[in-house]
C-alpha atoms as a PDB file:
ATOM      1  CA  MET A   1      -0.070   0.075  -0.204  1.00  0.00           C
ATOM      2  CA  ILE A   2       3.135   2.527   0.791  1.00  0.00           C
ATOM      3  CA  ASN A   3       4.611   1.753  -2.561  1.00  0.00           C
ATOM      4  CA  SER A   4       1.366   2.354  -4.363  1.00  0.00           C
ATOM      5  CA  LYS A   5       0.550   5.398  -2.766  1.00  0.00           C
ATOM      6  CA  GLU A   6       4.177   6.435  -3.745  1.00  0.00           C
ATOM      7  CA  ILE A   7       4.006   5.655  -7.175  1.00  0.00           C
ATOM      8  CA  MET A   8       0.659   7.481  -7.515  1.00  0.00           C
ATOM      9  CA  ALA A   9       1.986  10.394  -5.705  1.00  0.00           C
ATOM     10  CA  PHE A  10       4.961  10.471  -7.638  1.00  0.00           C
ATOM     11  CA  LYS A  11       2.829  10.022 -11.182  1.00  0.00           C
ATOM     12  CA  SER A  12       0.928  12.969  -9.893  1.00  0.00           C
ATOM     13  CA  TYR A  13       3.880  15.120  -9.302  1.00  0.00           C
ATOM     14  CA  GLN A  14       5.328  14.275 -12.600  1.00  0.00           C
ATOM     15  CA  ASN A  15       2.172  15.120 -14.747  1.00  0.00           C
ATOM     16  CA  GLN A  16       1.900  18.529 -12.701  1.00  0.00           C
ATOM     17  CA  ALA A  17       5.446  19.067 -13.871  1.00  0.00           C
ATOM     18  CA  GLN A  18       4.553  18.404 -17.573  1.00  0.00           C
ATOM     19  CA  VAL A  19       1.823  20.253 -17.660  1.00  0.00           C
ATOM     20  CA  PHE A  20       3.917  23.275 -16.096  1.00  0.00           C
ATOM     21  CA  VAL A  21       6.398  22.711 -18.662  1.00  0.00           C
ATOM     22  CA  LYS A  22       3.838  22.295 -21.200  1.00  0.00           C
ATOM     23  CA  GLU A  23       1.303  25.737 -20.463  1.00  0.00           C
ATOM     24  CA  TYR A  24       4.619  27.781 -19.067  1.00  0.00           C
ATOM     25  CA  LEU A  25       8.151  26.876 -19.652  1.00  0.00           C
ATOM     26  CA  LEU A  26       7.276  26.079 -23.231  1.00  0.00           C
ATOM     27  CA  ALA A  27       4.265  28.238 -24.229  1.00  0.00           C
ATOM     28  CA  ASP A  28       4.735  30.244 -27.546  1.00  0.00           C
ATOM     29  CA  PRO A  29       5.110  33.711 -25.950  1.00  0.00           C
ATOM     30  CA  LEU A  30       7.496  32.252 -22.994  1.00  0.00           C
ATOM     31  CA  ILE A  31       9.702  30.176 -25.322  1.00  0.00           C
ATOM     32  CA  PRO A  32      12.140  32.900 -25.974  1.00  0.00           C
ATOM     33  CA  TYR A  33      12.753  34.182 -22.656  1.00  0.00           C
ATOM     34  CA  THR A  34      12.927  30.619 -20.985  1.00  0.00           C
ATOM     35  CA  SER A  35      15.250  29.109 -23.582  1.00  0.00           C
ATOM     36  CA  ILE A  36      17.494  32.504 -23.053  1.00  0.00           C
ATOM     37  CA  VAL A  37      17.599  32.095 -19.013  1.00  0.00           C
ATOM     38  CA  GLY A  38      18.079  27.859 -20.000  1.00  0.00           C
ATOM     39  CA  GLY A  39      21.208  28.562 -21.979  1.00  0.00           C
ATOM     40  CA  ILE A  40      22.735  30.725 -19.339  1.00  0.00           C
ATOM     41  CA  PHE A  41      22.085  28.370 -16.523  1.00  0.00           C
ATOM     42  CA  ALA A  42      23.654  25.494 -18.759  1.00  0.00           C
ATOM     43  CA  CYS A  43      26.774  27.512 -19.136  1.00  0.00           C
ATOM     44  CA  LYS A  44      27.008  28.133 -15.346  1.00  0.00           C
ATOM     45  CA  MET A  45      26.486  24.540 -14.754  1.00  0.00           C
ATOM     46  CA  ILE A  46      28.912  23.567 -17.450  1.00  0.00           C
ATOM     47  CA  TYR A  47      31.433  25.908 -16.111  1.00  0.00           C
ATOM     48  CA  ASP A  48      31.301  24.463 -12.554  1.00  0.00           C
ATOM     49  CA  LEU A  49      30.780  21.000 -13.612  1.00  0.00           C
ATOM     50  CA  THR A  50      34.186  21.125 -15.841  1.00  0.00           C
ATOM     51  CA  GLN A  51      36.289  22.802 -12.682  1.00  0.00           C
ATOM     52  CA  LEU A  52      34.711  19.896 -10.407  1.00  0.00           C
ATOM     53  CA  ILE A  53      35.998  17.033 -12.996  1.00  0.00           C
ATOM     54  CA  CYS A  54      38.921  18.569 -14.126  1.00  0.00           C
ATOM     55  CA  THR A  55      40.071  19.546 -10.327  1.00  0.00           C
ATOM     56  CA  ILE A  56      39.498  15.813  -9.486  1.00  0.00           C
ATOM     57  CA  TYR A  57      40.677  14.043 -12.712  1.00  0.00           C
ATOM     58  CA  PHE A  58      43.585  16.116 -14.029  1.00  0.00           C
ATOM     59  CA  LYS A  59      46.704  17.017 -12.085  1.00  0.00           C
ATOM     60  CA  SER A  60      47.685  19.311 -14.374  1.00  0.00           C
ATOM     61  CA  TYR A  61      44.794  21.465 -13.895  1.00  0.00           C
ATOM     62  CA  SER A  62      45.459  22.693 -10.774  1.00  0.00           C
ATOM     63  CA  SER A  63      48.860  23.873 -11.762  1.00  0.00           C
ATOM     64  CA  LEU A  64      47.642  26.592 -14.176  1.00  0.00           C
ATOM     65  CA  SER A  65      47.054  29.953 -13.545  1.00  0.00           C
ATOM     66  CA  LYS A  66      43.865  31.308 -12.215  1.00  0.00           C
ATOM     67  CA  ILE A  67      43.338  33.059 -16.059  1.00  0.00           C
ATOM     68  CA  GLN A  68      44.010  30.185 -17.599  1.00  0.00           C
ATOM     69  CA  ARG A  69      41.617  27.430 -15.408  1.00  0.00           C
ATOM     70  CA  THR A  70      39.073  30.292 -16.520  1.00  0.00           C
ATOM     71  CA  GLU A  71      39.934  29.930 -20.274  1.00  0.00           C
ATOM     72  CA  TRP A  72      39.972  26.058 -19.892  1.00  0.00           C
ATOM     73  CA  ASN A  73      36.290  26.479 -18.277  1.00  0.00           C
ATOM     74  CA  ASN A  74      35.148  28.741 -20.756  1.00  0.00           C
ATOM     75  CA  ARG A  75      36.322  26.941 -23.759  1.00  0.00           C
ATOM     76  CA  ALA A  76      34.298  23.767 -21.965  1.00  0.00           C
ATOM     77  CA  ILE A  77      31.257  25.986 -22.293  1.00  0.00           C
ATOM     78  CA  SER A  78      32.093  26.679 -25.947  1.00  0.00           C
ATOM     79  CA  THR A  79      32.569  23.301 -26.884  1.00  0.00           C
ATOM     80  CA  ILE A  80      29.189  21.828 -25.727  1.00  0.00           C
ATOM     81  CA  HIS A  81      27.476  24.936 -27.204  1.00  0.00           C
ATOM     82  CA  ALA A  82      29.124  24.456 -30.429  1.00  0.00           C
ATOM     83  CA  ILE A  83      27.902  20.597 -30.559  1.00  0.00           C
ATOM     84  CA  PHE A  84      24.713  21.398 -29.380  1.00  0.00           C
ATOM     85  CA  THR A  85      24.000  24.339 -31.968  1.00  0.00           C
ATOM     86  CA  THR A  86      26.188  22.543 -35.203  1.00  0.00           C
ATOM     87  CA  THR A  87      23.575  19.645 -34.550  1.00  0.00           C
ATOM     88  CA  VAL A  88      20.260  21.753 -34.245  1.00  0.00           C
ATOM     89  CA  SER A  89      21.387  23.709 -37.135  1.00  0.00           C
ATOM     90  CA  LEU A  90      22.452  20.784 -39.753  1.00  0.00           C
ATOM     91  CA  TYR A  91      19.210  19.566 -38.778  1.00  0.00           C
ATOM     92  CA  PHE A  92      17.194  22.295 -39.836  1.00  0.00           C
ATOM     93  CA  VAL A  93      19.154  23.407 -42.738  1.00  0.00           C
ATOM     94  CA  PHE A  94      19.485  19.932 -44.447  1.00  0.00           C
ATOM     95  CA  CYS A  95      17.299  17.291 -43.160  1.00  0.00           C
ATOM     96  CA  SER A  96      14.020  19.117 -41.620  1.00  0.00           C
ATOM     97  CA  ASN A  97      10.999  19.996 -44.010  1.00  0.00           C
ATOM     98  CA  LEU A  98      10.935  23.167 -42.417  1.00  0.00           C
ATOM     99  CA  TYR A  99      12.497  25.414 -44.592  1.00  0.00           C
ATOM    100  CA  SER A 100      12.090  23.692 -47.359  1.00  0.00           C
ATOM    101  CA  ASP A 101      10.853  25.287 -50.918  1.00  0.00           C
ATOM    102  CA  SER A 102       8.195  22.607 -51.563  1.00  0.00           C
ATOM    103  CA  GLN A 103       6.788  22.096 -48.389  1.00  0.00           C
ATOM    104  CA  SER A 104       4.867  25.423 -48.160  1.00  0.00           C
ATOM    105  CA  THR A 105       3.770  28.559 -49.659  1.00  0.00           C
ATOM    106  CA  GLU A 106       4.826  30.900 -46.667  1.00  0.00           C
ATOM    107  CA  LEU A 107       7.730  32.961 -47.295  1.00  0.00           C
ATOM    108  CA  ILE A 108      11.123  30.842 -46.396  1.00  0.00           C
ATOM    109  CA  THR A 109      12.229  33.955 -44.879  1.00  0.00           C
ATOM    110  CA  LEU A 110       9.296  34.147 -42.232  1.00  0.00           C
ATOM    111  CA  ARG A 111       9.269  30.132 -41.216  1.00  0.00           C
ATOM    112  CA  SER A 112       9.668  29.342 -37.842  1.00  0.00           C
ATOM    113  CA  SER A 113       8.680  26.467 -35.348  1.00  0.00           C
ATOM    114  CA  PRO A 114       8.503  26.457 -31.219  1.00  0.00           C
ATOM    115  CA  LEU A 115      11.490  23.891 -31.704  1.00  0.00           C
ATOM    116  CA  SER A 116      13.387  26.679 -34.024  1.00  0.00           C
ATOM    117  CA  THR A 117      12.624  29.678 -31.750  1.00  0.00           C
ATOM    118  CA  PHE A 118      13.755  27.472 -28.400  1.00  0.00           C
ATOM    119  CA  ALA A 119      17.164  26.610 -30.110  1.00  0.00           C
ATOM    120  CA  LEU A 120      17.971  29.993 -30.895  1.00  0.00           C
ATOM    121  CA  GLY A 121      17.122  31.148 -27.366  1.00  0.00           C
ATOM    122  CA  VAL A 122      19.634  28.771 -26.090  1.00  0.00           C
ATOM    123  CA  SER A 123      22.311  30.233 -28.528  1.00  0.00           C
ATOM    124  CA  VAL A 124      21.229  33.843 -27.207  1.00  0.00           C
ATOM    125  CA  GLY A 125      21.800  32.513 -23.574  1.00  0.00           C
ATOM    126  CA  TYR A 126      25.316  31.281 -24.536  1.00  0.00           C
ATOM    127  CA  PHE A 127      26.479  34.440 -26.153  1.00  0.00           C
ATOM    128  CA  ILE A 128      25.327  36.622 -23.546  1.00  0.00           C
ATOM    129  CA  ALA A 129      27.142  34.498 -20.850  1.00  0.00           C
ATOM    130  CA  ASP A 130      30.397  34.196 -23.274  1.00  0.00           C
ATOM    131  CA  LEU A 131      30.373  38.135 -23.668  1.00  0.00           C
ATOM    132  CA  GLY A 132      29.615  38.599 -20.255  1.00  0.00           C
ATOM    133  CA  MET A 133      32.933  36.739 -19.220  1.00  0.00           C
ATOM    134  CA  ILE A 134      34.907  38.555 -22.252  1.00  0.00           C
ATOM    135  CA  PHE A 135      34.318  41.821 -20.614  1.00  0.00           C
ATOM    136  CA  TRP A 136      35.002  40.728 -16.995  1.00  0.00           C
ATOM    137  CA  PHE A 137      38.453  39.440 -17.823  1.00  0.00           C
ATOM    138  CA  TYR A 138      39.170  41.455 -20.894  1.00  0.00           C
ATOM    139  CA  PRO A 139      41.276  41.099 -23.240  1.00  0.00           C
ATOM    140  CA  SER A 140      42.411  37.629 -20.990  1.00  0.00           C
ATOM    141  CA  LEU A 141      39.855  35.379 -22.864  1.00  0.00           C
ATOM    142  CA  GLY A 142      39.974  37.527 -26.474  1.00  0.00           C
ATOM    143  CA  GLY A 143      40.170  40.830 -27.628  1.00  0.00           C
ATOM    144  CA  TYR A 144      38.345  43.493 -29.818  1.00  0.00           C
ATOM    145  CA  GLU A 145      37.493  40.525 -32.509  1.00  0.00           C
ATOM    146  CA  TYR A 146      35.941  38.502 -30.397  1.00  0.00           C
ATOM    147  CA  VAL A 147      33.772  41.062 -29.252  1.00  0.00           C
ATOM    148  CA  VAL A 148      32.763  41.796 -32.625  1.00  0.00           C
ATOM    149  CA  HIS A 149      31.906  38.619 -33.622  1.00  0.00           C
ATOM    150  CA  HIS A 150      29.873  37.960 -30.194  1.00  0.00           C
ATOM    151  CA  LEU A 151      27.690  41.210 -30.673  1.00  0.00           C
ATOM    152  CA  LEU A 152      26.997  40.483 -34.392  1.00  0.00           C
ATOM    153  CA  SER A 153      26.306  37.060 -33.588  1.00  0.00           C
ATOM    154  CA  LEU A 154      24.099  38.194 -30.357  1.00  0.00           C
ATOM    155  CA  VAL A 155      21.937  40.661 -32.267  1.00  0.00           C
ATOM    156  CA  ALA A 156      21.594  38.274 -35.449  1.00  0.00           C
ATOM    157  CA  VAL A 157      20.135  35.532 -33.508  1.00  0.00           C
ATOM    158  CA  ALA A 158      18.153  37.309 -31.122  1.00  0.00           C
ATOM    159  CA  TYR A 159      16.668  39.051 -33.761  1.00  0.00           C
ATOM    160  CA  ALA A 160      15.642  35.602 -35.777  1.00  0.00           C
ATOM    161  CA  MET A 161      14.666  34.548 -32.333  1.00  0.00           C
ATOM    162  CA  LEU A 162      12.096  37.296 -31.361  1.00  0.00           C
ATOM    163  CA  SER A 163      10.855  37.894 -35.154  1.00  0.00           C
ATOM    164  CA  GLY A 164      11.070  34.713 -36.328  1.00  0.00           C
ATOM    165  CA  GLU A 165      12.401  36.011 -39.775  1.00  0.00           C
ATOM    166  CA  GLY A 166      15.489  34.771 -41.430  1.00  0.00           C
ATOM    167  CA  GLN A 167      15.667  31.888 -38.986  1.00  0.00           C
ATOM    168  CA  LEU A 168      17.132  29.483 -42.023  1.00  0.00           C
ATOM    169  CA  TYR A 169      20.091  31.877 -42.656  1.00  0.00           C
ATOM    170  CA  THR A 170      20.749  32.210 -39.155  1.00  0.00           C
ATOM    171  CA  TYR A 171      21.085  28.256 -38.941  1.00  0.00           C
ATOM    172  CA  MET A 172      23.225  28.425 -41.824  1.00  0.00           C
ATOM    173  CA  VAL A 173      25.832  30.702 -40.238  1.00  0.00           C
ATOM    174  CA  LEU A 174      25.471  28.922 -36.984  1.00  0.00           C
ATOM    175  CA  ILE A 175      26.783  25.610 -38.722  1.00  0.00           C
ATOM    176  CA  SER A 176      30.153  27.702 -38.732  1.00  0.00           C
ATOM    177  CA  GLU A 177      30.150  26.695 -34.795  1.00  0.00           C
ATOM    178  CA  THR A 178      31.550  23.330 -36.092  1.00  0.00           C
ATOM    179  CA  THR A 179      34.960  24.467 -36.149  1.00  0.00           C
ATOM    180  CA  THR A 180      34.962  25.610 -32.371  1.00  0.00           C
ATOM    181  CA  PRO A 181      35.725  22.518 -30.622  1.00  0.00           C
ATOM    182  CA  GLY A 182      38.645  21.730 -32.627  1.00  0.00           C
ATOM    183  CA  ILE A 183      39.909  25.144 -31.896  1.00  0.00           C
ATOM    184  CA  ASN A 184      39.183  24.835 -28.243  1.00  0.00           C
ATOM    185  CA  LEU A 185      41.408  21.107 -28.736  1.00  0.00           C
ATOM    186  CA  ARG A 186      44.118  23.078 -29.884  1.00  0.00           C
ATOM    187  CA  TRP A 187      44.286  25.693 -27.115  1.00  0.00           C
ATOM    188  CA  TYR A 188      44.105  22.364 -24.551  1.00  0.00           C
ATOM    189  CA  LEU A 189      46.883  20.597 -26.563  1.00  0.00           C
ATOM    190  CA  ASP A 190      49.147  23.721 -26.460  1.00  0.00           C
ATOM    191  CA  THR A 191      48.225  24.124 -23.044  1.00  0.00           C
ATOM    192  CA  ALA A 192      48.910  20.887 -21.796  1.00  0.00           C
ATOM    193  CA  GLY A 193      52.432  20.759 -23.704  1.00  0.00           C
ATOM    194  CA  MET A 194      51.539  18.743 -26.543  1.00  0.00           C
ATOM    195  CA  LYS A 195      52.405  21.251 -29.441  1.00  0.00           C
ATOM    196  CA  ARG A 196      54.829  18.955 -31.004  1.00  0.00           C
ATOM    197  CA  THR A 197      52.836  15.760 -30.855  1.00  0.00           C
ATOM    198  CA  SER A 198      50.674  14.274 -33.995  1.00  0.00           C
ATOM    199  CA  ALA A 199      47.909  15.071 -32.454  1.00  0.00           C
ATOM    200  CA  TYR A 200      48.731  18.815 -32.068  1.00  0.00           C
ATOM    201  CA  LEU A 201      49.448  18.342 -36.264  1.00  0.00           C
ATOM    202  CA  LEU A 202      46.122  16.123 -36.943  1.00  0.00           C
ATOM    203  CA  ASN A 203      43.935  18.898 -35.570  1.00  0.00           C
ATOM    204  CA  GLY A 204      45.457  21.278 -37.368  1.00  0.00           C
ATOM    205  CA  VAL A 205      44.564  19.474 -40.300  1.00  0.00           C
ATOM    206  CA  VAL A 206      40.767  19.250 -39.311  1.00  0.00           C
ATOM    207  CA  ILE A 207      40.549  22.489 -38.497  1.00  0.00           C
ATOM    208  CA  PHE A 208      41.670  23.673 -42.037  1.00  0.00           C
ATOM    209  CA  ILE A 209      38.853  21.248 -43.719  1.00  0.00           C
ATOM    210  CA  ALA A 210      36.269  22.226 -41.337  1.00  0.00           C
ATOM    211  CA  TRP A 211      37.217  25.930 -41.641  1.00  0.00           C
ATOM    212  CA  LEU A 212      37.446  25.678 -45.388  1.00  0.00           C
ATOM    213  CA  VAL A 213      33.695  23.751 -45.545  1.00  0.00           C
ATOM    214  CA  ALA A 214      31.560  25.436 -42.604  1.00  0.00           C
ATOM    215  CA  ARG A 215      33.165  29.063 -42.761  1.00  0.00           C
ATOM    216  CA  ILE A 216      33.807  29.375 -46.490  1.00  0.00           C
ATOM    217  CA  LEU A 217      32.014  27.186 -48.740  1.00  0.00           C
ATOM    218  CA  LEU A 218      28.980  27.288 -46.552  1.00  0.00           C
ATOM    219  CA  PHE A 219      29.001  31.303 -46.768  1.00  0.00           C
ATOM    220  CA  ILE A 220      29.142  31.145 -50.279  1.00  0.00           C
ATOM    221  CA  TYR A 221      25.937  28.442 -50.495  1.00  0.00           C
ATOM    222  CA  MET A 222      24.400  30.811 -48.326  1.00  0.00           C
ATOM    223  CA  PHE A 223      24.916  34.114 -50.338  1.00  0.00           C
ATOM    224  CA  TYR A 224      23.666  32.151 -53.296  1.00  0.00           C
ATOM    225  CA  HIS A 225      20.720  30.959 -51.838  1.00  0.00           C
ATOM    226  CA  VAL A 226      20.049  34.653 -50.576  1.00  0.00           C
ATOM    227  CA  TYR A 227      20.313  35.599 -53.912  1.00  0.00           C
ATOM    228  CA  LEU A 228      17.917  32.873 -55.114  1.00  0.00           C
ATOM    229  CA  HIS A 229      15.542  34.399 -52.745  1.00  0.00           C
ATOM    230  CA  ILE A 230      16.240  37.760 -52.972  1.00  0.00           C
ATOM    231  CA  ASP A 231      12.392  38.821 -53.346  1.00  0.00           C
ATOM    232  CA  GLN A 232      11.901  36.851 -50.351  1.00  0.00           C
ATOM    233  CA  VAL A 233      14.297  38.524 -48.515  1.00  0.00           C
ATOM    234  CA  ARG A 234      13.383  41.789 -49.506  1.00  0.00           C
ATOM    235  CA  GLN A 235      10.177  41.187 -48.169  1.00  0.00           C
ATOM    236  CA  MET A 236      11.201  40.926 -44.450  1.00  0.00           C
ATOM    237  CA  HIS A 237      11.317  44.013 -42.208  1.00  0.00           C
ATOM    238  CA  THR A 238      13.768  46.748 -42.686  1.00  0.00           C
ATOM    239  CA  PHE A 239      15.836  45.834 -39.733  1.00  0.00           C
ATOM    240  CA  GLY A 240      15.687  41.959 -40.751  1.00  0.00           C
ATOM    241  CA  HIS A 241      17.042  43.052 -44.455  1.00  0.00           C
ATOM    242  CA  LEU A 242      20.050  44.674 -43.413  1.00  0.00           C
ATOM    243  CA  LEU A 243      21.085  42.107 -41.178  1.00  0.00           C
ATOM    244  CA  VAL A 244      20.815  39.594 -44.078  1.00  0.00           C
ATOM    245  CA  PHE A 245      23.068  41.710 -46.069  1.00  0.00           C
ATOM    246  CA  ILE A 246      25.502  43.311 -43.209  1.00  0.00           C
ATOM    247  CA  VAL A 247      25.975  40.552 -40.728  1.00  0.00           C
ATOM    248  CA  PRO A 248      27.001  37.517 -42.942  1.00  0.00           C
ATOM    249  CA  PRO A 249      29.260  39.534 -44.878  1.00  0.00           C
ATOM    250  CA  VAL A 250      30.998  40.863 -42.132  1.00  0.00           C
ATOM    251  CA  LEU A 251      31.659  37.466 -40.454  1.00  0.00           C
ATOM    252  CA  SER A 252      32.894  36.119 -43.615  1.00  0.00           C
ATOM    253  CA  ILE A 253      35.516  38.769 -43.862  1.00  0.00           C
ATOM    254  CA  MET A 254      36.692  37.932 -40.043  1.00  0.00           C
ATOM    255  CA  ASN A 255      36.618  34.043 -41.579  1.00  0.00           C
ATOM    256  CA  LEU A 256      38.731  34.937 -44.340  1.00  0.00           C
ATOM    257  CA  VAL A 257      41.340  36.641 -42.037  1.00  0.00           C
ATOM    258  CA  TRP A 258      41.104  34.017 -39.326  1.00  0.00           C
ATOM    259  CA  PHE A 259      41.512  31.542 -42.170  1.00  0.00           C
ATOM    260  CA  SER A 260      44.603  33.089 -43.501  1.00  0.00           C
ATOM    261  CA  LYS A 261      46.326  32.887 -40.209  1.00  0.00           C
ATOM    262  CA  ILE A 262      45.524  28.971 -39.831  1.00  0.00           C
ATOM    263  CA  ILE A 263      47.002  28.375 -42.790  1.00  0.00           C
ATOM    264  CA  LYS A 264      50.158  30.089 -41.838  1.00  0.00           C
ATOM    265  CA  GLY A 265      50.154  28.411 -38.338  1.00  0.00           C
ATOM    266  CA  LEU A 266      49.825  25.089 -40.571  1.00  0.00           C
ATOM    267  CA  ARG A 267      52.297  25.854 -42.580  1.00  0.00           C
ATOM    268  CA  LYS A 268      54.584  26.656 -39.621  1.00  0.00           C
ATOM    269  CA  THR A 269      53.891  23.470 -37.637  1.00  0.00           C
ATOM    270  CA  LEU A 270      54.514  21.272 -40.826  1.00  0.00           C
ATOM    271  CA  ALA A 271      57.906  23.368 -41.523  1.00  0.00           C
ATOM    272  CA  LYS A 272      59.112  22.695 -37.889  1.00  0.00           C
ATOM    273  CA  ARG A 273      57.943  18.556 -38.176  1.00  0.00           C
ATOM    274  CA  GLN A 274      59.983  18.365 -41.377  1.00  0.00           C
END
């Protein structure tokens, strides 16, 4: 009888929790705000878990300076966010029918769903949290180029989330986050004194290929897609229209500058090994 009552009580709480999540936390008007808060909370949780796990299992972690440990934890956050947002972006751009030309008569630039809006909100929460850390420890976690990149990304993603406009192109740009885990792994290997290892060289090659595909070729594809749907893009609000024509080109220029540095770094590494 006790077990039966406990089970019934548990099911009652479970049903109440489901109703609360469905009717309040995930209600359409509240999705942007709950997802942003959830993204910020997730960043804090990952930061604390990284600090706890690394303190226990990695002896070299404790020997790092305070700012190095902070950057170590910060890069763990950006890696998890990159994996999440890349997975979601690839799904919406290449697998989902939400933005397919043949599935709906609605303008492709105006399509959205609760799931697409929620995922963008999580990214907004991440950019807010990461910008806060960059400003707090400036310039240890990144210089002005990181600030510009994050501010542009934050404005564009937040606009797409709140207005529902241009979400397809936002997700195309967010696929570029696929390069982040490799960049972070490069920093981890360097910090751990493994710069001369084969893993460091292999990671550099992977970064080169991923950057070329995700931040160069994919941007070219996006510009071509905008060209094909230029009439629909022009029907967006003025601010959204400007974002489509300003943010991606600026980010693409930054990507080209960073890509040239990646090529120089890879050449330098290969020359040393020879």
